C-alpha atoms as a PDB file:
ATOM      1  CA  MET A   1       0.924  25.728   2.412  1.00  0.00           C
ATOM      2  CA  PRO A   2      -1.650  24.077   0.156  1.00  0.00           C
ATOM      3  CA  LEU A   3      -1.931  25.395  -3.357  1.00  0.00           C
ATOM      4  CA  LYS A   4      -4.315  28.332  -3.828  1.00  0.00           C
ATOM      5  CA  PHE A   5      -6.485  26.944  -6.609  1.00  0.00           C
ATOM      6  CA  GLY A   6      -8.983  29.710  -5.790  1.00  0.00           C
ATOM      7  CA  ARG A   7      -6.619  32.267  -7.294  1.00  0.00           C
ATOM      8  CA  LEU A   8      -7.359  30.660 -10.642  1.00  0.00           C
ATOM      9  CA  GLY A   9     -11.078  31.227 -10.158  1.00  0.00           C
ATOM     10  CA  VAL A  10     -11.709  27.549  -9.331  1.00  0.00           C
ATOM     11  CA  ALA A  11     -14.006  26.532  -6.456  1.00  0.00           C
ATOM     12  CA  THR A  12     -11.991  24.536  -3.924  1.00  0.00           C
ATOM     13  CA  LYS A  13     -12.500  22.618  -0.711  1.00  0.00           C
ATOM     14  CA  THR A  14     -10.244  21.258   2.020  1.00  0.00           C
ATOM     15  CA  TYR A  15     -10.637  17.868   3.680  1.00  0.00           C
ATOM     16  CA  TYR A  16      -8.862  16.300   6.665  1.00  0.00           C
ATOM     17  CA  VAL A  17      -7.939  12.616   6.940  1.00  0.00           C
ATOM     18  CA  GLN A  18      -7.194  11.705  10.549  1.00  0.00           C
ATOM     19  CA  LYS A  19      -4.602   8.972  11.115  1.00  0.00           C
ATOM     20  CA  THR A  20      -5.292   5.959  13.290  1.00  0.00           C
ATOM     21  CA  GLY A  21      -1.707   4.711  13.569  1.00  0.00           C
ATOM     22  CA  PHE A  22      -2.350   1.636  11.409  1.00  0.00           C
ATOM     23  CA  PRO A  23      -0.466   2.294   8.151  1.00  0.00           C
ATOM     24  CA  PHE A  24      -2.496   0.272   5.669  1.00  0.00           C
ATOM     25  CA  TYR A  25      -5.873   1.466   6.913  1.00  0.00           C
ATOM     26  CA  ASP A  26      -4.608   5.054   6.905  1.00  0.00           C
ATOM     27  CA  ALA A  27      -3.216   4.690   3.375  1.00  0.00           C
ATOM     28  CA  CYS A  28      -6.617   3.373   2.260  1.00  0.00           C
ATOM     29  CA  GLN A  29      -8.273   6.417   3.837  1.00  0.00           C
ATOM     30  CA  LEU A  30      -5.948   8.842   2.071  1.00  0.00           C
ATOM     31  CA  VAL A  31      -6.275   7.235  -1.362  1.00  0.00           C
ATOM     32  CA  GLY A  32     -10.044   6.892  -0.973  1.00  0.00           C
ATOM     33  CA  ALA A  33     -10.444  10.550  -0.001  1.00  0.00           C
ATOM     34  CA  MET A  34      -8.366  11.700  -2.974  1.00  0.00           C
ATOM     35  CA  HIS A  35     -10.533   9.727  -5.371  1.00  0.00           C
ATOM     36  CA  LEU A  36     -13.902  10.463  -3.777  1.00  0.00           C
ATOM     37  CA  PHE A  37     -13.500  14.222  -3.414  1.00  0.00           C
ATOM     38  CA  PHE A  38     -11.256  15.097  -6.357  1.00  0.00           C
ATOM     39  CA  GLY A  39     -11.898  12.334  -8.889  1.00  0.00           C
ATOM     40  CA  SER A  40      -9.348  12.750 -11.663  1.00  0.00           C
ATOM     41  CA  GLY A  41      -8.741  16.390 -10.749  1.00  0.00           C
ATOM     42  CA  ALA A  42      -5.680  17.936  -9.132  1.00  0.00           C
ATOM     43  CA  SER A  43      -5.163  18.323  -5.391  1.00  0.00           C
ATOM     44  CA  SER A  44      -2.409  19.215  -2.948  1.00  0.00           C
ATOM     45  CA  LEU A  45      -1.378  17.198   0.099  1.00  0.00           C
ATOM     46  CA  ARG A  46       0.094  18.173   3.467  1.00  0.00           C
ATOM     47  CA  ASP A  47       1.177  15.644   6.079  1.00  0.00           C
ATOM     48  CA  LEU A  48       0.510  17.237   9.488  1.00  0.00           C
ATOM     49  CA  ARG A  49       1.682  14.209  11.537  1.00  0.00           C
ATOM     50  CA  THR A  50      -1.661  13.404  13.164  1.00  0.00           C
ATOM     51  CA  HIS A  51      -3.621  13.882   9.943  1.00  0.00           C
ATOM     52  CA  TRP A  52      -3.401  14.749   6.250  1.00  0.00           C
ATOM     53  CA  GLU A  53      -4.828  17.891   4.705  1.00  0.00           C
ATOM     54  CA  LEU A  54      -6.160  17.617   1.144  1.00  0.00           C
ATOM     55  CA  SER A  55      -7.108  20.676  -0.868  1.00  0.00           C
ATOM     56  CA  GLY A  56      -8.252  21.062  -4.441  1.00  0.00           C
ATOM     57  CA  PRO A  57     -11.055  21.815  -6.921  1.00  0.00           C
ATOM     58  CA  VAL A  58     -14.394  20.134  -6.334  1.00  0.00           C
ATOM     59  CA  VAL A  59     -14.750  17.356  -8.910  1.00  0.00           C
ATOM     60  CA  GLY A  60     -15.953  14.100  -7.371  1.00  0.00           C
ATOM     61  CA  ALA A  61     -15.753  10.546  -8.642  1.00  0.00           C
ATOM     62  CA  ASN A  62     -18.099   8.123 -10.400  1.00  0.00           C
ATOM     63  CA  LEU A  63     -18.166   5.245  -7.920  1.00  0.00           C
ATOM     64  CA  ALA A  64     -19.610   2.808 -10.481  1.00  0.00           C
ATOM     65  CA  ASN A  65     -16.218   2.797 -12.185  1.00  0.00           C
ATOM     66  CA  TYR A  66     -14.539   1.648  -8.982  1.00  0.00           C
ATOM     67  CA  GLY A  67     -16.964  -1.245  -8.619  1.00  0.00           C
ATOM     68  CA  GLU A  68     -16.165  -2.487 -12.117  1.00  0.00           C
ATOM     69  CA  ARG A  69     -12.447  -2.179 -11.450  1.00  0.00           C
ATOM     70  CA  LEU A  70     -12.859  -4.134  -8.231  1.00  0.00           C
ATOM     71  CA  LYS A  71     -14.605  -6.988 -10.048  1.00  0.00           C
ATOM     72  CA  GLY A  72     -11.803  -7.144 -12.558  1.00  0.00           C
ATOM     73  CA  LYS A  73      -9.174  -7.454  -9.849  1.00  0.00           C
ATOM     74  CA  GLY A  74     -10.928 -10.310  -8.061  1.00  0.00           C
ATOM     75  CA  LEU A  75     -10.356  -8.813  -4.622  1.00  0.00           C
ATOM     76  CA  GLU A  76     -11.426 -10.834  -1.599  1.00  0.00           C
ATOM     77  CA  ARG A  77     -15.080 -10.398  -0.613  1.00  0.00           C
ATOM     78  CA  VAL A  78     -15.961  -8.453  -3.747  1.00  0.00           C
ATOM     79  CA  GLU A  79     -19.702  -8.594  -3.170  1.00  0.00           C
ATOM     80  CA  GLN A  80     -19.393  -7.163   0.331  1.00  0.00           C
ATOM     81  CA  THR A  81     -17.170  -4.348  -0.904  1.00  0.00           C
ATOM     82  CA  LEU A  82     -19.585  -3.462  -3.716  1.00  0.00           C
ATOM     83  CA  VAL A  83     -22.323  -3.078  -1.108  1.00  0.00           C
ATOM     84  CA  VAL A  84     -20.060  -0.669   0.786  1.00  0.00           C
ATOM     85  CA  LEU A  85     -19.466   1.384  -2.359  1.00  0.00           C
ATOM     86  CA  ASP A  86     -23.221   1.636  -2.938  1.00  0.00           C
ATOM     87  CA  LYS A  87     -23.620   2.815   0.637  1.00  0.00           C
ATOM     88  CA  LEU A  88     -20.878   5.386   0.071  1.00  0.00           C
ATOM     89  CA  GLU A  89     -22.755   6.796  -2.922  1.00  0.00           C
ATOM     90  CA  ASP A  90     -25.981   7.056  -0.921  1.00  0.00           C
ATOM     91  CA  SER A  91     -24.328   8.858   2.013  1.00  0.00           C
ATOM     92  CA  ARG A  92     -21.846  11.037   0.137  1.00  0.00           C
ATOM     93  CA  GLY A  93     -23.042  14.235   1.833  1.00  0.00           C
ATOM     94  CA  GLU A  94     -22.592  12.795   5.323  1.00  0.00           C
ATOM     95  CA  VAL A  95     -19.159  11.464   4.414  1.00  0.00           C
ATOM     96  CA  GLU A  96     -18.094  14.803   2.981  1.00  0.00           C
ATOM     97  CA  GLY A  97     -19.181  16.608   6.158  1.00  0.00           C
ATOM     98  CA  PHE A  98     -17.160  14.176   8.281  1.00  0.00           C
ATOM     99  CA  PHE A  99     -13.952  14.828   6.359  1.00  0.00           C
ATOM    100  CA  GLU A 100     -14.501  18.588   6.220  1.00  0.00           C
ATOM    101  CA  ALA A 101     -14.287  18.739  10.039  1.00  0.00           C
ATOM    102  CA  ARG A 102     -10.852  19.567  11.394  1.00  0.00           C
ATOM    103  CA  PRO A 103      -9.164  16.919  13.579  1.00  0.00           C
ATOM    104  CA  PRO A 104      -9.573  15.733  16.248  1.00  0.00           C
ATOM    105  CA  LYS A 105     -13.238  15.926  15.081  1.00  0.00           C
ATOM    106  CA  THR A 106     -14.434  15.601  18.687  1.00  0.00           C
ATOM    107  CA  GLU A 107     -17.972  16.880  18.147  1.00  0.00           C
ATOM    108  CA  VAL A 108     -18.420  14.975  14.902  1.00  0.00           C
ATOM    109  CA  LEU A 109     -17.246  11.710  16.461  1.00  0.00           C
ATOM    110  CA  LYS A 110     -19.898  11.974  19.182  1.00  0.00           C
ATOM    111  CA  LYS A 111     -22.681  11.880  16.608  1.00  0.00           C
ATOM    112  CA  VAL A 112     -21.379   9.536  13.930  1.00  0.00           C
ATOM    113  CA  LYS A 113     -22.223   5.826  13.794  1.00  0.00           C
ATOM    114  CA  ARG A 114     -19.426   3.276  14.235  1.00  0.00           C
ATOM    115  CA  GLU A 115     -18.949  -0.212  12.818  1.00  0.00           C
ATOM    116  CA  VAL A 116     -16.383  -3.005  13.112  1.00  0.00           C
ATOM    117  CA  VAL A 117     -13.509  -2.761  10.626  1.00  0.00           C
ATOM    118  CA  SER A 118     -13.357  -5.732   8.220  1.00  0.00           C
ATOM    119  CA  GLY A 119     -10.325  -7.987   8.332  1.00  0.00           C
ATOM    120  CA  TYR A 120      -9.484  -7.536   4.670  1.00  0.00           C
ATOM    121  CA  LEU A 121      -9.408  -3.758   5.189  1.00  0.00           C
ATOM    122  CA  GLU A 122      -7.079  -3.807   8.205  1.00  0.00           C
ATOM    123  CA  PRO A 123      -5.983  -7.243   9.468  1.00  0.00           C
ATOM    124  CA  ALA A 124      -4.067  -5.768  12.410  1.00  0.00           C
ATOM    125  CA  TRP A 125      -7.385  -5.042  14.116  1.00  0.00           C
ATOM    126  CA  LEU A 126      -8.513  -8.675  13.973  1.00  0.00           C
ATOM    127  CA  GLY A 127      -6.997 -12.118  14.438  1.00  0.00           C
ATOM    128  CA  GLY A 128      -3.425 -12.534  13.216  1.00  0.00           C
ATOM    129  CA  ALA A 129       0.114 -11.557  14.052  1.00  0.00           C
ATOM    130  CA  ARG A 130       0.655  -8.301  15.895  1.00  0.00           C
ATOM    131  CA  SER A 131       3.198  -5.853  14.533  1.00  0.00           C
ATOM    132  CA  PRO A 132       5.556  -3.986  16.938  1.00  0.00           C
ATOM    133  CA  ASP A 133       3.539  -0.806  16.366  1.00  0.00           C
ATOM    134  CA  ALA A 134       0.433  -2.516  17.730  1.00  0.00           C
ATOM    135  CA  ALA A 135       1.986  -2.941  21.185  1.00  0.00           C
ATOM    136  CA  ARG A 136       1.118   0.639  22.107  1.00  0.00           C
ATOM    137  CA  TYR A 137      -2.556  -0.200  21.733  1.00  0.00           C
ATOM    138  CA  GLY A 138      -2.561  -2.698  24.598  1.00  0.00           C
ATOM    139  CA  VAL A 139      -5.099  -5.416  23.796  1.00  0.00           C
ATOM    140  CA  LEU A 140      -4.133  -5.276  20.129  1.00  0.00           C
ATOM    141  CA  ALA A 141      -0.726  -6.640  21.069  1.00  0.00           C
ATOM    142  CA  SER A 142      -2.334  -9.898  22.237  1.00  0.00           C
ATOM    143  CA  GLN A 143      -2.189 -13.059  20.170  1.00  0.00           C
ATOM    144  CA  ARG A 144      -5.721 -12.758  18.848  1.00  0.00           C
ATOM    145  CA  GLY A 145      -6.370  -9.037  18.933  1.00  0.00           C
ATOM    146  CA  LEU A 146      -9.824  -7.505  19.300  1.00  0.00           C
ATOM    147  CA  PRO A 147     -12.191  -6.076  16.685  1.00  0.00           C
ATOM    148  CA  SER A 148     -12.158  -2.298  16.575  1.00  0.00           C
ATOM    149  CA  LYS A 149     -15.030   0.003  15.675  1.00  0.00           C
ATOM    150  CA  ARG A 150     -14.356   3.076  13.553  1.00  0.00           C
ATOM    151  CA  PRO A 151     -16.650   5.847  12.208  1.00  0.00           C
ATOM    152  CA  VAL A 152     -18.718   4.639   9.264  1.00  0.00           C
ATOM    153  CA  PRO A 153     -17.700   7.516   6.903  1.00  0.00           C
ATOM    154  CA  GLU A 154     -14.059   6.641   7.560  1.00  0.00           C
ATOM    155  CA  ILE A 155     -14.630   2.956   6.770  1.00  0.00           C
ATOM    156  CA  LEU A 156     -16.529   3.790   3.572  1.00  0.00           C
ATOM    157  CA  VAL A 157     -13.756   6.021   2.266  1.00  0.00           C
ATOM    158  CA  ALA A 158     -11.056   3.503   3.263  1.00  0.00           C
ATOM    159  CA  THR A 159     -12.921   0.802   1.344  1.00  0.00           C
ATOM    160  CA  LEU A 160     -12.870   2.999  -1.755  1.00  0.00           C
ATOM    161  CA  GLY A 161      -9.111   3.388  -1.282  1.00  0.00           C
ATOM    162  CA  LEU A 162      -8.748  -0.388  -1.023  1.00  0.00           C
ATOM    163  CA  THR A 163     -10.098  -0.781  -4.574  1.00  0.00           C
ATOM    164  CA  GLN A 164      -6.993   1.085  -5.780  1.00  0.00           C
ATOM    165  CA  ALA A 165      -4.458  -1.147  -4.003  1.00  0.00           C
ATOM    166  CA  ALA A 166      -2.018  -3.257  -5.972  1.00  0.00           C
ATOM    167  CA  LEU A 167      -2.505  -6.996  -5.424  1.00  0.00           C
ATOM    168  CA  ALA A 168       0.319  -9.539  -5.379  1.00  0.00           C
ATOM    169  CA  TYR A 169      -0.625 -13.214  -5.587  1.00  0.00           C
ATOM    170  CA  GLY A 170       1.674 -16.020  -4.518  1.00  0.00           C
ATOM    171  CA  ASN A 171       0.333 -19.564  -4.052  1.00  0.00           C
ATOM    172  CA  ASP A 172      -2.626 -19.168  -1.656  1.00  0.00           C
ATOM    173  CA  GLU A 173      -1.445 -15.799  -0.320  1.00  0.00           C
ATOM    174  CA  VAL A 174      -2.712 -12.342  -1.257  1.00  0.00           C
ATOM    175  CA  THR A 175      -0.963  -9.084  -0.387  1.00  0.00           C
ATOM    176  CA  THR A 176      -2.443  -5.620  -0.967  1.00  0.00           C
ATOM    177  CA  VAL A 177      -0.038  -2.673  -1.271  1.00  0.00           C
ATOM    178  CA  LEU A 178      -0.505   1.118  -1.441  1.00  0.00           C
ATOM    179  CA  PRO A 179       2.065   3.920  -1.714  1.00  0.00           C
ATOM    180  CA  VAL A 180       2.307   6.490   1.085  1.00  0.00           C
ATOM    181  CA  LEU A 181       2.959   9.945  -0.394  1.00  0.00           C
ATOM    182  CA  GLU A 182       5.049  12.740   1.029  1.00  0.00           C
ATOM    183  CA  ASN A 183       3.913  16.360   0.997  1.00  0.00           C
ATOM    184  CA  SER A 184       3.089  17.623  -2.468  1.00  0.00           C
ATOM    185  CA  VAL A 185       3.740  21.259  -3.298  1.00  0.00           C
ATOM    186  CA  GLN A 186       2.496  20.840  -6.845  1.00  0.00           C
ATOM    187  CA  PRO A 187      -0.942  19.814  -8.099  1.00  0.00           C
ATOM    188  CA  MET A 188      -1.280  16.051  -8.273  1.00  0.00           C
ATOM    189  CA  THR A 189      -3.986  13.839  -9.668  1.00  0.00           C
ATOM    190  CA  PRO A 190      -4.943  10.649  -7.814  1.00  0.00           C
ATOM    191  CA  PHE A 191      -2.372   7.993  -8.612  1.00  0.00           C
ATOM    192  CA  ILE A 192      -4.406   5.629 -10.785  1.00  0.00           C
ATOM    193  CA  THR A 193      -1.832   4.779 -13.451  1.00  0.00           C
ATOM    194  CA  PHE A 194       0.244   2.092 -11.755  1.00  0.00           C
ATOM    195  CA  LYS A 195      -0.041  -1.614 -12.473  1.00  0.00           C
ATOM    196  CA  GLN A 196      -2.349  -3.211  -9.902  1.00  0.00           C
ATOM    197  CA  ARG A 197      -1.971  -6.973 -10.315  1.00  0.00           C
ATOM    198  CA  TYR A 198       1.171  -9.035  -9.733  1.00  0.00           C
ATOM    199  CA  GLN A 199       1.528 -12.815  -9.715  1.00  0.00           C
ATOM    200  CA  HIS A 200       4.523 -14.897  -8.716  1.00  0.00           C
ATOM    201  CA  ARG A 201       5.560 -18.354  -7.490  1.00  0.00           C
ATOM    202  CA  ALA A 202       8.605 -17.506  -5.410  1.00  0.00           C
ATOM    203  CA  GLY A 203       6.928 -17.529  -2.004  1.00  0.00           C
ATOM    204  CA  GLY A 204       5.032 -14.909  -0.011  1.00  0.00           C
ATOM    205  CA  ALA A 205       8.201 -13.141   1.142  1.00  0.00           C
ATOM    206  CA  ILE A 206       8.557 -11.324  -2.167  1.00  0.00           C
ATOM    207  CA  SER A 207       4.906 -10.268  -2.559  1.00  0.00           C
ATOM    208  CA  THR A 208       5.175  -6.876  -0.886  1.00  0.00           C
ATOM    209  CA  VAL A 209       8.481  -5.996  -2.542  1.00  0.00           C
ATOM    210  CA  PHE A 210       7.229  -7.130  -5.962  1.00  0.00           C
ATOM    211  CA  ALA A 211       4.141  -4.890  -5.851  1.00  0.00           C
ATOM    212  CA  ALA A 212       5.968  -1.961  -4.228  1.00  0.00           C
ATOM    213  CA  LEU A 213       8.763  -2.055  -6.794  1.00  0.00           C
ATOM    214  CA  GLY A 214       6.212  -2.146  -9.605  1.00  0.00           C
ATOM    215  CA  ILE A 215       4.428   0.914  -8.202  1.00  0.00           C
ATOM    216  CA  LEU A 216       7.737   2.703  -7.725  1.00  0.00           C
ATOM    217  CA  ALA A 217       8.754   1.975 -11.310  1.00  0.00           C
ATOM    218  CA  ASP A 218       5.497   3.552 -12.530  1.00  0.00           C
ATOM    219  CA  LEU A 219       5.339   6.529 -10.156  1.00  0.00           C
ATOM    220  CA  GLY A 220       8.775   7.035  -8.621  1.00  0.00           C
ATOM    221  CA  LEU A 221       9.828   9.827 -10.962  1.00  0.00           C
ATOM    222  CA  ARG A 222       6.464  11.645 -10.827  1.00  0.00           C
ATOM    223  CA  TYR A 223       5.533  11.570  -7.128  1.00  0.00           C
ATOM    224  CA  ARG A 224       7.422  11.751  -3.869  1.00  0.00           C
ATOM    225  CA  ILE A 225       6.718   8.372  -2.271  1.00  0.00           C
ATOM    226  CA  GLN A 226       8.009   7.925   1.273  1.00  0.00           C
ATOM    227  CA  ASP A 227       7.133   4.238   1.799  1.00  0.00           C
ATOM    228  CA  PHE A 228       4.543   1.537   1.142  1.00  0.00           C
ATOM    229  CA  ALA A 229       1.769   0.224   3.379  1.00  0.00           C
ATOM    230  CA  PHE A 230       0.688  -3.400   2.983  1.00  0.00           C
ATOM    231  CA  ALA A 231      -1.798  -5.972   4.266  1.00  0.00           C
ATOM    232  CA  TYR A 232      -0.904  -9.654   4.050  1.00  0.00           C
ATOM    233  CA  HIS A 233      -3.599 -12.342   3.894  1.00  0.00           C
ATOM    234  CA  GLY A 234      -2.013 -15.780   4.140  1.00  0.00           C
ATOM    235  CA  GLY A 235      -3.234 -19.296   4.612  1.00  0.00           C
ATOM    236  CA  ARG A 236      -4.558 -20.740   7.885  1.00  0.00           C
ATOM    237  CA  GLY A 237      -5.777 -17.356   9.108  1.00  0.00           C
ATOM    238  CA  PHE A 238      -2.320 -15.772   9.271  1.00  0.00           C
ATOM    239  CA  HIS A 239      -2.651 -12.032   8.554  1.00  0.00           C
ATOM    240  CA  TYR A 240      -0.634  -8.913   9.332  1.00  0.00           C
ATOM    241  CA  SER A 241      -0.022  -5.396   8.041  1.00  0.00           C
ATOM    242  CA  GLY A 242       2.349  -2.460   8.378  1.00  0.00           C
ATOM    243  CA  LEU A 243       4.905  -0.343   6.529  1.00  0.00           C
ATOM    244  CA  LEU A 244       7.344  -2.072   4.183  1.00  0.00           C
ATOM    245  CA  GLY A 245      10.348   0.088   5.130  1.00  0.00           C
ATOM    246  CA  LEU A 246      11.538   0.973   1.607  1.00  0.00           C
ATOM    247  CA  HIS A 247      12.039   4.668   2.405  1.00  0.00           C
ATOM    248  CA  ARG A 248      15.731   4.524   1.441  1.00  0.00           C
ATOM    249  CA  LEU A 249      14.922   3.015  -1.935  1.00  0.00           C
ATOM    250  CA  CYS A 250      12.137   5.563  -2.485  1.00  0.00           C
ATOM    251  CA  ALA A 251      14.468   8.472  -1.684  1.00  0.00           C
ATOM    252  CA  ALA A 252      17.207   7.197  -4.010  1.00  0.00           C
ATOM    253  CA  PHE A 253      14.999   5.851  -6.790  1.00  0.00           C
ATOM    254  CA  ALA A 254      16.094   8.384  -9.417  1.00  0.00           C
ATOM    255  CA  ASP A 255      19.702   7.199  -8.967  1.00  0.00           C
ATOM    256  CA  VAL A 256      18.988   3.462  -8.896  1.00  0.00           C
ATOM    257  CA  LYS A 257      16.086   3.204 -11.342  1.00  0.00           C
ATOM    258  CA  GLU A 258      18.032   0.960 -13.744  1.00  0.00           C
ATOM    259  CA  PHE A 259      18.759  -1.543 -10.967  1.00  0.00           C
ATOM    260  CA  ALA A 260      15.134  -1.350  -9.801  1.00  0.00           C
ATOM    261  CA  HIS A 261      13.797  -2.070 -13.292  1.00  0.00           C
ATOM    262  CA  GLU A 262      16.223  -4.986 -13.676  1.00  0.00           C
ATOM    263  CA  ALA A 263      15.115  -6.398 -10.314  1.00  0.00           C
ATOM    264  CA  LEU A 264      11.475  -6.025 -11.343  1.00  0.00           C
ATOM    265  CA  GLY A 265      12.186  -7.977 -14.507  1.00  0.00           C
ATOM    266  CA  TYR A 266      13.531 -10.952 -12.535  1.00  0.00           C
ATOM    267  CA  LEU A 267      10.578 -10.826 -10.139  1.00  0.00           C
ATOM    268  CA  GLU A 268       8.120 -10.839 -13.046  1.00  0.00           C
ATOM    269  CA  ARG A 269       9.712 -13.985 -14.453  1.00  0.00           C
ATOM    270  CA  THR A 270       8.693 -15.931 -11.333  1.00  0.00           C
ATOM    271  CA  ARG A 271       5.108 -16.233 -12.611  1.00  0.00           C
ATOM    272  CA  SER A 272       6.225 -19.474 -14.260  1.00  0.00           C
ATOM    273  CA  LEU A 273       7.745 -22.613 -12.707  1.00  0.00           C
ATOM    274  CA  GLU A 274       9.502 -23.614 -15.914  1.00  0.00           C
ATOM    275  CA  ALA A 275      13.182 -24.529 -15.880  1.00  0.00           C
ATOM    276  CA  GLY A 276      15.501 -21.558 -15.756  1.00  0.00           C
ATOM    277  CA  VAL A 277      13.152 -19.275 -13.790  1.00  0.00           C
ATOM    278  CA  PRO A 278      15.402 -17.426 -11.286  1.00  0.00           C
ATOM    279  CA  LEU A 279      13.461 -18.110  -8.058  1.00  0.00           C
ATOM    280  CA  ASP A 280      16.551 -17.906  -5.859  1.00  0.00           C
ATOM    281  CA  LEU A 281      17.646 -14.636  -7.440  1.00  0.00           C
ATOM    282  CA  ALA A 282      14.151 -13.162  -7.085  1.00  0.00           C
ATOM    283  CA  ARG A 283      14.066 -13.994  -3.378  1.00  0.00           C
ATOM    284  CA  LEU A 284      17.530 -12.532  -2.824  1.00  0.00           C
ATOM    285  CA  LEU A 285      16.625  -9.360  -4.723  1.00  0.00           C
ATOM    286  CA  ALA A 286      13.527  -8.884  -2.563  1.00  0.00           C
ATOM    287  CA  ASP A 287      15.552  -9.475   0.595  1.00  0.00           C
ATOM    288  CA  PHE A 288      18.266  -7.044  -0.515  1.00  0.00           C
ATOM    289  CA  LEU A 289      15.785  -4.280  -1.348  1.00  0.00           C
ATOM    290  CA  LYS A 290      14.235  -4.591   2.129  1.00  0.00           C
ATOM    291  CA  ASN A 291      17.475  -5.161   4.073  1.00  0.00           C
ATOM    292  CA  PRO A 292      20.620  -4.214   2.088  1.00  0.00           C
ATOM    293  CA  SER A 293      23.714  -6.169   3.157  1.00  0.00           C
ATOM    294  CA  MET A 294      27.007  -7.243   1.616  1.00  0.00           C
ATOM    295  CA  ASP A 295      26.249 -10.916   2.238  1.00  0.00           C
ATOM    296  CA  THR A 296      22.986 -10.754   0.325  1.00  0.00           C
ATOM    297  CA  LEU A 297      24.684  -8.769  -2.449  1.00  0.00           C
ATOM    298  CA  ALA A 298      27.336 -11.495  -2.805  1.00  0.00           C
ATOM    299  CA  ALA A 299      24.654 -14.188  -2.931  1.00  0.00           C
ATOM    300  CA  MET A 300      22.812 -12.166  -5.575  1.00  0.00           C
ATOM    301  CA  ALA A 301      25.965 -12.087  -7.709  1.00  0.00           C
ATOM    302  CA  ARG A 302      26.238 -15.881  -7.509  1.00  0.00           C
ATOM    303  CA  ALA A 303      22.559 -16.354  -8.374  1.00  0.00           C
ATOM    304  CA  LYS A 304      22.768 -13.938 -11.286  1.00  0.00           C
ATOM    305  CA  ALA A 305      25.877 -15.696 -12.600  1.00  0.00           C
ATOM    306  CA  ARG A 306      23.997 -18.994 -12.499  1.00  0.00           C
ATOM    307  CA  VAL A 307      21.135 -17.456 -14.489  1.00  0.00           C
ATOM    308  CA  LEU A 308      23.466 -15.886 -17.065  1.00  0.00           C
ATOM    309  CA  VAL A 309      25.679 -18.920 -17.706  1.00  0.00           C
ATOM    310  CA  ASP A 310      23.010 -21.559 -16.968  1.00  0.00           C
ATOM    311  CA  GLU A 311      25.165 -23.419 -14.441  1.00  0.00           C
ATOM    312  CA  ASP A 312      24.157 -24.902 -11.085  1.00  0.00           C
ATOM    313  CA  LEU A 313      26.283 -22.624  -8.926  1.00  0.00           C
ATOM    314  CA  PRO A 314      25.405 -22.838  -5.231  1.00  0.00           C
ATOM    315  CA  VAL A 315      23.498 -19.893  -3.820  1.00  0.00           C
ATOM    316  CA  TYR A 316      25.001 -19.385  -0.372  1.00  0.00           C
ATOM    317  CA  VAL A 317      24.577 -16.688   2.246  1.00  0.00           C
ATOM    318  CA  ARG A 318      27.313 -16.656   4.900  1.00  0.00           C
ATOM    319  CA  LYS A 319      26.156 -16.719   8.496  1.00  0.00           C
ATOM    320  CA  ALA A 320      27.062 -13.707  10.614  1.00  0.00           C
ATOM    321  CA  ASP A 321      29.469 -15.678  12.851  1.00  0.00           C
ATOM    322  CA  GLU A 322      31.244 -17.545  10.021  1.00  0.00           C
ATOM    323  CA  PRO A 323      34.623 -16.374   8.633  1.00  0.00           C
ATOM    324  CA  VAL A 324      34.828 -15.072   5.080  1.00  0.00           C
ATOM    325  CA  GLN A 325      35.978 -17.853   2.739  1.00  0.00           C
ATOM    326  CA  GLY A 326      38.732 -17.290   0.207  1.00  0.00           C
END
C-alpha cells in the first residue's frame, strides 16, 4: 500500500503512469512524473504491472531548472526539448488531470490530443533496429518501423524525464540511461543525485554499462533498482532501445559493491587514449557485467595482469567449441 502521508496532516495526491511496453519511454514517463508532481519532496511508488502508482505530498517542480540542466548536458535537440518544457509549464493543469485518471484512462484518451513521439525520446518507435520486445507490436518489428502517436501530456512528462537521464558519449555515439525502480515502501525523493555525464573511448558496447554502473554506484545502497532502460543513438541512423538486463547485478549490489566500484574505475580511465589505458579490460568488464561467464572472467584476469605488470599479455577469449588449454 502507498504511504499514508495524510496521517501526518500533509495534503497528498495520487498519480498513475500507464506503461506502453517500451522500457526507455516508460522510464522517462516515471521519472518525469516524479519530478513534475513531487519536485524534491517524498513520494511512494507501486508497480502494478500495467502501470505505476505514485503518491505523495503536493510540491511541484520549477521547470526552469530542468531547462538549464538540459543545456549543460548538451543533449540532442536541446532547443526542441526546451520548447516542450515551456509547453509543459503552460499546460500543467491538463497534464495533471491526465495522470490523475486511473488506467486504462479510456475516457481521457478519447479527448486528449496526440502527437508523434520524437526519435530521441524513444528510438524504437522510429527508424532503427527492432528489439525482440517490439515483435509483438507487428509493424514495429519491420526494418524501418512506423512513427507512433501518443497523448501529448504523456510526451511532455516523458520529455521532462529525459532531462534527468545519464548520458554516455563514445566517439560519435550517444546513449541515454535511466534506472527502473522497484516498489518503494518508504518515502523517496526523486533520484537527482547521480552523475549524469560519462565519456569514454572504448567503443559503444560499454556505453550502457558504464552509465548504469555509475548510477548504481551512486544509488544502489539507497534505492531498490531492478534494471536500467536505455536508448542508443549511433552513427548512420542506427538507433535502438530496451532494458539492459542488469537485474542480477542490481539485486546483489550490496555484496559486490567493491568489485563494481573497481570496474567503474577502469571504465572511467577510458576517457583518454594515452598509453596504458586499459581498453581491453574495460570492454571485458562491461561484457562480464552484462553476461557473466567463466571465459570472460579468465580473459579479464589476463587483461588485469597486463595492466598491473605493464606487459603485453595476449587477451584471449576461448571459443565455445575449443578445448581448454593447459
